C-alpha atoms as a PDB file:
ATOM      1  CA  MET A   1       8.477  10.520 -15.867  1.00  0.00           C
ATOM      2  CA  THR A   2       8.638   6.733 -15.773  1.00  0.00           C
ATOM      3  CA  ARG A   3       8.816   5.128 -12.358  1.00  0.00           C
ATOM      4  CA  SER A   4       9.752   1.877 -10.708  1.00  0.00           C
ATOM      5  CA  VAL A   5       6.837   1.025  -8.429  1.00  0.00           C
ATOM      6  CA  LEU A   6       6.389  -1.711  -5.823  1.00  0.00           C
ATOM      7  CA  ILE A   7       2.868  -2.583  -4.650  1.00  0.00           C
ATOM      8  CA  ALA A   8       2.576  -4.742  -1.532  1.00  0.00           C
ATOM      9  CA  GLY A   9      -0.762  -6.437  -1.009  1.00  0.00           C
ATOM     10  CA  ALA A  10      -1.671  -6.388  -4.699  1.00  0.00           C
ATOM     11  CA  GLY A  11      -5.199  -7.516  -5.451  1.00  0.00           C
ATOM     12  CA  PRO A  12      -8.091  -6.937  -7.832  1.00  0.00           C
ATOM     13  CA  GLY A  13      -9.404  -3.781  -6.166  1.00  0.00           C
ATOM     14  CA  VAL A  14      -7.738  -0.431  -5.464  1.00  0.00           C
ATOM     15  CA  SER A  15      -4.202  -1.842  -5.643  1.00  0.00           C
ATOM     16  CA  GLY A  16      -4.942  -3.402  -9.026  1.00  0.00           C
ATOM     17  CA  SER A  17      -6.277  -0.104 -10.305  1.00  0.00           C
ATOM     18  CA  LEU A  18      -3.176   1.631  -8.979  1.00  0.00           C
ATOM     19  CA  ALA A  19      -0.921  -0.892 -10.719  1.00  0.00           C
ATOM     20  CA  ARG A  20      -2.642  -0.255 -14.047  1.00  0.00           C
ATOM     21  CA  LEU A  21      -2.465   3.512 -13.500  1.00  0.00           C
ATOM     22  CA  TYR A  22       1.279   3.452 -12.966  1.00  0.00           C
ATOM     23  CA  ALA A  23       1.689   0.991 -15.836  1.00  0.00           C
ATOM     24  CA  ALA A  24       0.039   3.463 -18.173  1.00  0.00           C
ATOM     25  CA  GLU A  25       2.900   5.846 -17.353  1.00  0.00           C
ATOM     26  CA  GLY A  26       5.509   3.266 -18.375  1.00  0.00           C
ATOM     27  CA  GLY A  27       8.388   2.113 -16.214  1.00  0.00           C
ATOM     28  CA  SER A  28       7.965  -1.020 -14.132  1.00  0.00           C
ATOM     29  CA  VAL A  29       5.492  -2.317 -11.570  1.00  0.00           C
ATOM     30  CA  GLY A  30       6.375  -5.021  -9.056  1.00  0.00           C
ATOM     31  CA  LEU A  31       3.584  -6.848  -7.267  1.00  0.00           C
ATOM     32  CA  LEU A  32       3.563  -8.699  -3.957  1.00  0.00           C
ATOM     33  CA  GLY A  33       0.350 -10.594  -3.319  1.00  0.00           C
ATOM     34  CA  ALA A  34      -1.189 -13.700  -1.861  1.00  0.00           C
ATOM     35  CA  GLU A  35      -2.816 -15.215  -4.962  1.00  0.00           C
ATOM     36  CA  GLU A  36      -0.971 -16.186  -8.134  1.00  0.00           C
ATOM     37  CA  ASP A  37      -4.092 -16.112 -10.315  1.00  0.00           C
ATOM     38  CA  VAL A  38      -4.765 -12.485  -9.318  1.00  0.00           C
ATOM     39  CA  LEU A  39      -1.131 -11.530  -9.877  1.00  0.00           C
ATOM     40  CA  SER A  40      -1.058 -13.163 -13.302  1.00  0.00           C
ATOM     41  CA  VAL A  41      -4.043 -11.085 -14.451  1.00  0.00           C
ATOM     42  CA  LEU A  42      -2.418  -7.889 -13.166  1.00  0.00           C
ATOM     43  CA  ARG A  43       0.903  -8.764 -14.830  1.00  0.00           C
ATOM     44  CA  ALA A  44      -0.889  -9.197 -18.132  1.00  0.00           C
ATOM     45  CA  ASP A  45      -2.644  -5.831 -17.717  1.00  0.00           C
ATOM     46  CA  ILE A  46       0.640  -4.101 -16.870  1.00  0.00           C
ATOM     47  CA  GLU A  47       2.458  -5.609 -19.829  1.00  0.00           C
ATOM     48  CA  ALA A  48      -0.443  -4.756 -22.151  1.00  0.00           C
ATOM     49  CA  ALA A  49       0.023  -1.128 -21.101  1.00  0.00           C
ATOM     50  CA  GLY A  50       3.640  -1.309 -22.211  1.00  0.00           C
ATOM     51  CA  ALA A  51       5.240  -1.439 -18.760  1.00  0.00           C
ATOM     52  CA  LEU A  52       7.516  -4.050 -17.245  1.00  0.00           C
ATOM     53  CA  ALA A  53       5.868  -6.338 -14.705  1.00  0.00           C
ATOM     54  CA  GLY A  54       7.164  -8.584 -11.948  1.00  0.00           C
ATOM     55  CA  SER A  55       5.397 -10.408  -9.171  1.00  0.00           C
ATOM     56  CA  SER A  56       5.926 -12.667  -6.199  1.00  0.00           C
ATOM     57  CA  VAL A  57       3.449 -14.667  -4.143  1.00  0.00           C
ATOM     58  CA  VAL A  58       4.223 -13.951  -0.515  1.00  0.00           C
ATOM     59  CA  ASP A  59       2.552 -14.024   2.886  1.00  0.00           C
ATOM     60  CA  LEU A  60       3.174 -10.472   4.081  1.00  0.00           C
ATOM     61  CA  THR A  61       2.905 -11.587   7.701  1.00  0.00           C
ATOM     62  CA  ASP A  62       6.075 -13.647   7.121  1.00  0.00           C
ATOM     63  CA  ASP A  63       8.781 -11.080   7.824  1.00  0.00           C
ATOM     64  CA  ALA A  64      11.675 -13.034   6.317  1.00  0.00           C
ATOM     65  CA  ALA A  65       9.772 -14.004   3.173  1.00  0.00           C
ATOM     66  CA  THR A  66       8.529 -10.440   2.670  1.00  0.00           C
ATOM     67  CA  ARG A  67      11.978  -8.926   3.065  1.00  0.00           C
ATOM     68  CA  SER A  68      13.418 -11.468   0.667  1.00  0.00           C
ATOM     69  CA  ALA A  69      10.773 -10.754  -1.977  1.00  0.00           C
ATOM     70  CA  VAL A  70      11.232  -6.976  -1.708  1.00  0.00           C
ATOM     71  CA  THR A  71      15.013  -7.318  -1.907  1.00  0.00           C
ATOM     72  CA  ARG A  72      14.830  -9.547  -4.987  1.00  0.00           C
ATOM     73  CA  MET A  73      12.615  -7.029  -6.756  1.00  0.00           C
ATOM     74  CA  GLY A  74      14.800  -4.130  -5.698  1.00  0.00           C
ATOM     75  CA  GLU A  75      17.928  -5.834  -6.993  1.00  0.00           C
ATOM     76  CA  HIS A  76      16.177  -6.649 -10.257  1.00  0.00           C
ATOM     77  CA  VAL A  77      14.970  -3.108 -11.019  1.00  0.00           C
ATOM     78  CA  GLY A  78      17.790  -1.250  -9.265  1.00  0.00           C
ATOM     79  CA  HIS A  79      15.645   1.176  -7.280  1.00  0.00           C
ATOM     80  CA  PHE A  80      12.096   2.033  -6.229  1.00  0.00           C
ATOM     81  CA  ASP A  81      10.500   5.400  -6.881  1.00  0.00           C
ATOM     82  CA  VAL A  82       7.210   4.492  -5.191  1.00  0.00           C
ATOM     83  CA  VAL A  83       6.343   1.830  -2.616  1.00  0.00           C
ATOM     84  CA  HIS A  84       2.638   1.333  -1.998  1.00  0.00           C
ATOM     85  CA  PHE A  85       1.244  -0.640   0.943  1.00  0.00           C
ATOM     86  CA  ASN A  86      -2.315  -1.875   0.612  1.00  0.00           C
ATOM     87  CA  PRO A  87      -3.187  -4.906   2.803  1.00  0.00           C
ATOM     88  CA  SER A  88      -5.521  -5.192   5.750  1.00  0.00           C
ATOM     89  CA  ALA A  89      -7.404  -8.042   7.383  1.00  0.00           C
ATOM     90  CA  TYR A  90     -11.191  -8.012   7.592  1.00  0.00           C
ATOM     91  CA  ARG A  91     -12.524 -10.121  10.438  1.00  0.00           C
ATOM     92  CA  GLU A  92     -16.183  -9.719  11.330  1.00  0.00           C
ATOM     93  CA  LYS A  93     -15.909  -9.868  15.113  1.00  0.00           C
ATOM     94  CA  ASP A  94     -16.881  -7.294  17.717  1.00  0.00           C
ATOM     95  CA  PRO A  95     -14.800  -6.525  20.840  1.00  0.00           C
ATOM     96  CA  LEU A  96     -16.629  -9.161  22.869  1.00  0.00           C
ATOM     97  CA  SER A  97     -15.828 -11.988  20.441  1.00  0.00           C
ATOM     98  CA  LEU A  98     -12.456 -10.866  19.057  1.00  0.00           C
ATOM     99  CA  THR A  99      -9.600 -12.571  20.867  1.00  0.00           C
ATOM    100  CA  PRO A 100      -6.253 -10.916  21.649  1.00  0.00           C
ATOM    101  CA  ASP A 101      -4.491 -13.400  19.388  1.00  0.00           C
ATOM    102  CA  GLU A 102      -6.872 -12.635  16.510  1.00  0.00           C
ATOM    103  CA  LEU A 103      -6.326  -8.919  16.973  1.00  0.00           C
ATOM    104  CA  LEU A 104      -2.558  -9.341  16.925  1.00  0.00           C
ATOM    105  CA  GLU A 105      -2.766 -11.571  13.860  1.00  0.00           C
ATOM    106  CA  ASP A 106      -4.725  -8.913  11.976  1.00  0.00           C
ATOM    107  CA  VAL A 107      -2.465  -6.078  13.104  1.00  0.00           C
ATOM    108  CA  ARG A 108       0.536  -8.139  11.970  1.00  0.00           C
ATOM    109  CA  LEU A 109      -0.791  -7.875   8.406  1.00  0.00           C
ATOM    110  CA  GLY A 110      -2.390  -4.440   8.383  1.00  0.00           C
ATOM    111  CA  VAL A 111       0.337  -2.593  10.306  1.00  0.00           C
ATOM    112  CA  GLY A 112       3.375  -4.732  11.070  1.00  0.00           C
ATOM    113  CA  ALA A 113       3.947  -5.806   7.486  1.00  0.00           C
ATOM    114  CA  LEU A 114       4.514  -2.169   6.549  1.00  0.00           C
ATOM    115  CA  LEU A 115       7.714  -2.276   8.611  1.00  0.00           C
ATOM    116  CA  SER A 116       8.923  -5.370   6.744  1.00  0.00           C
ATOM    117  CA  VAL A 117       8.232  -3.749   3.385  1.00  0.00           C
ATOM    118  CA  VAL A 118       9.683  -0.313   4.149  1.00  0.00           C
ATOM    119  CA  GLN A 119      12.797  -1.591   5.897  1.00  0.00           C
ATOM    120  CA  ALA A 120      13.577  -3.966   3.028  1.00  0.00           C
ATOM    121  CA  ALA A 121      12.803  -1.312   0.403  1.00  0.00           C
ATOM    122  CA  ARG A 122      14.864   1.432   2.059  1.00  0.00           C
ATOM    123  CA  PRO A 123      18.191   0.570   0.353  1.00  0.00           C
ATOM    124  CA  PHE A 124      16.436   0.947  -3.007  1.00  0.00           C
ATOM    125  CA  LEU A 125      14.694   4.264  -2.275  1.00  0.00           C
ATOM    126  CA  ARG A 126      16.454   7.412  -3.482  1.00  0.00           C
ATOM    127  CA  PRO A 127      15.788  11.090  -2.718  1.00  0.00           C
ATOM    128  CA  GLY A 128      12.389  11.843  -4.215  1.00  0.00           C
ATOM    129  CA  GLY A 129      11.123   8.378  -3.320  1.00  0.00           C
ATOM    130  CA  ARG A 130       7.586   8.061  -2.040  1.00  0.00           C
ATOM    131  CA  ILE A 131       5.742   5.626   0.258  1.00  0.00           C
ATOM    132  CA  THR A 132       1.949   5.535   0.055  1.00  0.00           C
ATOM    133  CA  VAL A 133      -0.605   3.619   2.099  1.00  0.00           C
ATOM    134  CA  THR A 134      -4.287   2.881   1.542  1.00  0.00           C
ATOM    135  CA  GLY A 135      -6.009   4.300   4.603  1.00  0.00           C
ATOM    136  CA  SER A 136      -9.618   4.175   5.752  1.00  0.00           C
ATOM    137  CA  MET A 137     -12.166   6.159   7.713  1.00  0.00           C
ATOM    138  CA  ALA A 138     -12.191   3.129  10.021  1.00  0.00           C
ATOM    139  CA  ALA A 139      -9.125   4.738  11.639  1.00  0.00           C
ATOM    140  CA  ASP A 140     -11.313   7.280  13.411  1.00  0.00           C
ATOM    141  CA  ARG A 141     -14.824   5.989  12.702  1.00  0.00           C
ATOM    142  CA  PRO A 142     -14.545   2.248  13.314  1.00  0.00           C
ATOM    143  CA  TRP A 143     -17.394  -0.199  12.920  1.00  0.00           C
ATOM    144  CA  HIS A 144     -17.635  -2.274  16.078  1.00  0.00           C
ATOM    145  CA  GLY A 145     -18.616  -5.352  14.086  1.00  0.00           C
ATOM    146  CA  ALA A 146     -15.116  -5.577  12.598  1.00  0.00           C
ATOM    147  CA  ALA A 147     -13.174  -4.119  15.483  1.00  0.00           C
ATOM    148  CA  SER A 148      -9.709  -5.178  14.353  1.00  0.00           C
ATOM    149  CA  LEU A 149      -9.976  -3.242  11.086  1.00  0.00           C
ATOM    150  CA  GLY A 150     -10.252   0.084  12.897  1.00  0.00           C
ATOM    151  CA  VAL A 151      -7.230  -0.771  15.014  1.00  0.00           C
ATOM    152  CA  GLN A 152      -5.243  -1.657  11.891  1.00  0.00           C
ATOM    153  CA  LYS A 153      -6.151   1.518  10.045  1.00  0.00           C
ATOM    154  CA  ALA A 154      -5.488   3.744  13.044  1.00  0.00           C
ATOM    155  CA  GLY A 155      -2.177   1.991  13.597  1.00  0.00           C
ATOM    156  CA  VAL A 156      -0.974   2.183  10.018  1.00  0.00           C
ATOM    157  CA  GLN A 157      -1.972   5.855   9.761  1.00  0.00           C
ATOM    158  CA  ASN A 158       0.032   6.576  12.902  1.00  0.00           C
ATOM    159  CA  LEU A 159       3.014   4.582  11.632  1.00  0.00           C
ATOM    160  CA  VAL A 160       3.073   6.554   8.379  1.00  0.00           C
ATOM    161  CA  HIS A 161       3.632   9.769  10.359  1.00  0.00           C
ATOM    162  CA  SER A 162       6.673   8.191  12.018  1.00  0.00           C
ATOM    163  CA  ILE A 163       8.032   6.771   8.753  1.00  0.00           C
ATOM    164  CA  ASP A 164       7.785  10.176   7.106  1.00  0.00           C
ATOM    165  CA  ALA A 165       9.509  11.895  10.029  1.00  0.00           C
ATOM    166  CA  THR A 166      12.315   9.323   9.892  1.00  0.00           C
ATOM    167  CA  LEU A 167      12.940   9.557   6.146  1.00  0.00           C
ATOM    168  CA  LYS A 168      12.145  13.137   5.199  1.00  0.00           C
ATOM    169  CA  GLU A 169      15.703  14.386   5.769  1.00  0.00           C
ATOM    170  CA  ASP A 170      16.745  11.891   3.077  1.00  0.00           C
ATOM    171  CA  GLY A 171      14.191  13.345   0.661  1.00  0.00           C
ATOM    172  CA  ILE A 172      11.824  10.372   0.985  1.00  0.00           C
ATOM    173  CA  ARG A 173       8.243  11.098   2.011  1.00  0.00           C
ATOM    174  CA  ALA A 174       5.338   8.965   3.206  1.00  0.00           C
ATOM    175  CA  VAL A 175       1.595   9.568   3.066  1.00  0.00           C
ATOM    176  CA  SER A 176      -1.600   7.677   3.785  1.00  0.00           C
ATOM    177  CA  VAL A 177      -4.808   8.441   1.908  1.00  0.00           C
ATOM    178  CA  THR A 178      -7.860   8.057   4.137  1.00  0.00           C
ATOM    179  CA  VAL A 179     -10.745   6.730   2.057  1.00  0.00           C
ATOM    180  CA  ARG A 180     -13.867   8.160   3.689  1.00  0.00           C
ATOM    181  CA  GLY A 181     -16.443   5.821   2.230  1.00  0.00           C
ATOM    182  CA  LEU A 182     -17.107   2.246   1.188  1.00  0.00           C
ATOM    183  CA  LEU A 183     -15.687   1.008  -2.090  1.00  0.00           C
ATOM    184  CA  LYS A 184     -18.257   0.697  -4.857  1.00  0.00           C
ATOM    185  CA  LYS A 185     -18.276  -0.273  -8.513  1.00  0.00           C
ATOM    186  CA  GLU A 186     -19.025   3.270  -9.650  1.00  0.00           C
ATOM    187  CA  GLY A 187     -18.755   6.833  -8.377  1.00  0.00           C
ATOM    188  CA  PRO A 188     -16.058   8.496  -6.275  1.00  0.00           C
ATOM    189  CA  PHE A 189     -15.371   5.293  -4.325  1.00  0.00           C
ATOM    190  CA  ALA A 190     -14.822   3.126  -7.375  1.00  0.00           C
ATOM    191  CA  PRO A 191     -11.324   1.554  -7.202  1.00  0.00           C
ATOM    192  CA  ASP A 192     -10.084   3.501 -10.227  1.00  0.00           C
ATOM    193  CA  ASN A 193     -10.988   6.811  -8.590  1.00  0.00           C
ATOM    194  CA  VAL A 194      -9.416   5.908  -5.249  1.00  0.00           C
ATOM    195  CA  ALA A 195      -6.295   4.826  -7.125  1.00  0.00           C
ATOM    196  CA  ARG A 196      -6.114   8.242  -8.776  1.00  0.00           C
ATOM    197  CA  ALA A 197      -6.137   9.868  -5.330  1.00  0.00           C
ATOM    198  CA  LEU A 198      -3.278   7.625  -4.212  1.00  0.00           C
ATOM    199  CA  ARG A 199      -1.356   8.434  -7.368  1.00  0.00           C
ATOM    200  CA  ALA A 200      -1.948  12.170  -6.892  1.00  0.00           C
ATOM    201  CA  ALA A 201      -0.685  12.014  -3.294  1.00  0.00           C
ATOM    202  CA  ILE A 202       2.919  11.562  -4.446  1.00  0.00           C
ATOM    203  CA  ASP A 203       2.798  14.846  -6.361  1.00  0.00           C
ATOM    204  CA  GLN A 204       2.273  16.998  -3.272  1.00  0.00           C
ATOM    205  CA  ASP A 205       4.478  20.034  -2.841  1.00  0.00           C
ATOM    206  CA  GLU A 206       7.207  18.735  -0.546  1.00  0.00           C
ATOM    207  CA  ALA A 207       7.419  22.079   1.255  1.00  0.00           C
ATOM    208  CA  ALA A 208       3.793  21.673   2.352  1.00  0.00           C
ATOM    209  CA  TRP A 209       3.809  17.876   2.642  1.00  0.00           C
ATOM    210  CA  ARG A 210       0.935  16.242   4.496  1.00  0.00           C
ATOM    211  CA  THR A 211       1.330  12.711   5.817  1.00  0.00           C
ATOM    212  CA  GLU A 212      -2.414  12.037   5.780  1.00  0.00           C
ATOM    213  CA  LEU A 213      -4.808  13.113   3.067  1.00  0.00           C
ATOM    214  CA  PRO A 214      -8.586  12.562   3.112  1.00  0.00           C
ATOM    215  CA  TYR A 215     -10.395  11.253   0.063  1.00  0.00           C
ATOM    216  CA  PRO A 216     -12.619  12.852  -1.104  1.00  0.00           C
ATOM    217  CA  GLY A 217     -11.069  16.080   0.033  1.00  0.00           C
END
């Protein structure tokens, strides 16, 4: 089955691996990211795999710009089968040095932007559509030295539960995959392997759907 996939927060790591994985299945892959040079490399990889590629440079904390970019891509491809949300902000500050404004700024990217993406993508999602999110063990085992990351990952995991509950009657499901380890070049936490777990999450039995899946697990 070929799919039309949108990846928000596309970069060279897990999201890039996921883009190439879906590209290998054909269809189309749309990319929203912050850096044109990264997007151009991913577009080339997607096209080399025989899939259609599109991209837009966008600041995902800009609600209007994000909605506009998602809508343009949706109108171009006609529909989305999968929407993947990847971004988070890493700020190395503990709770005694992190300011409220910094926390809110980080949460705006790692949690709030999911609302912009999903709300704009909703008109292009059909029954059978899937929303996936890159989660992290920081949601329940945060490192105090980067306190905002744990808040983001806990928040986005929680939001996925609500998104799924809102959309499931329309046949659209949402799931976050909680990566319980640090990304590495090789082994189970290599980006390609994490991407496979995200890809596998959309093939869950809908009758036994889980909105949060651990990886490994």
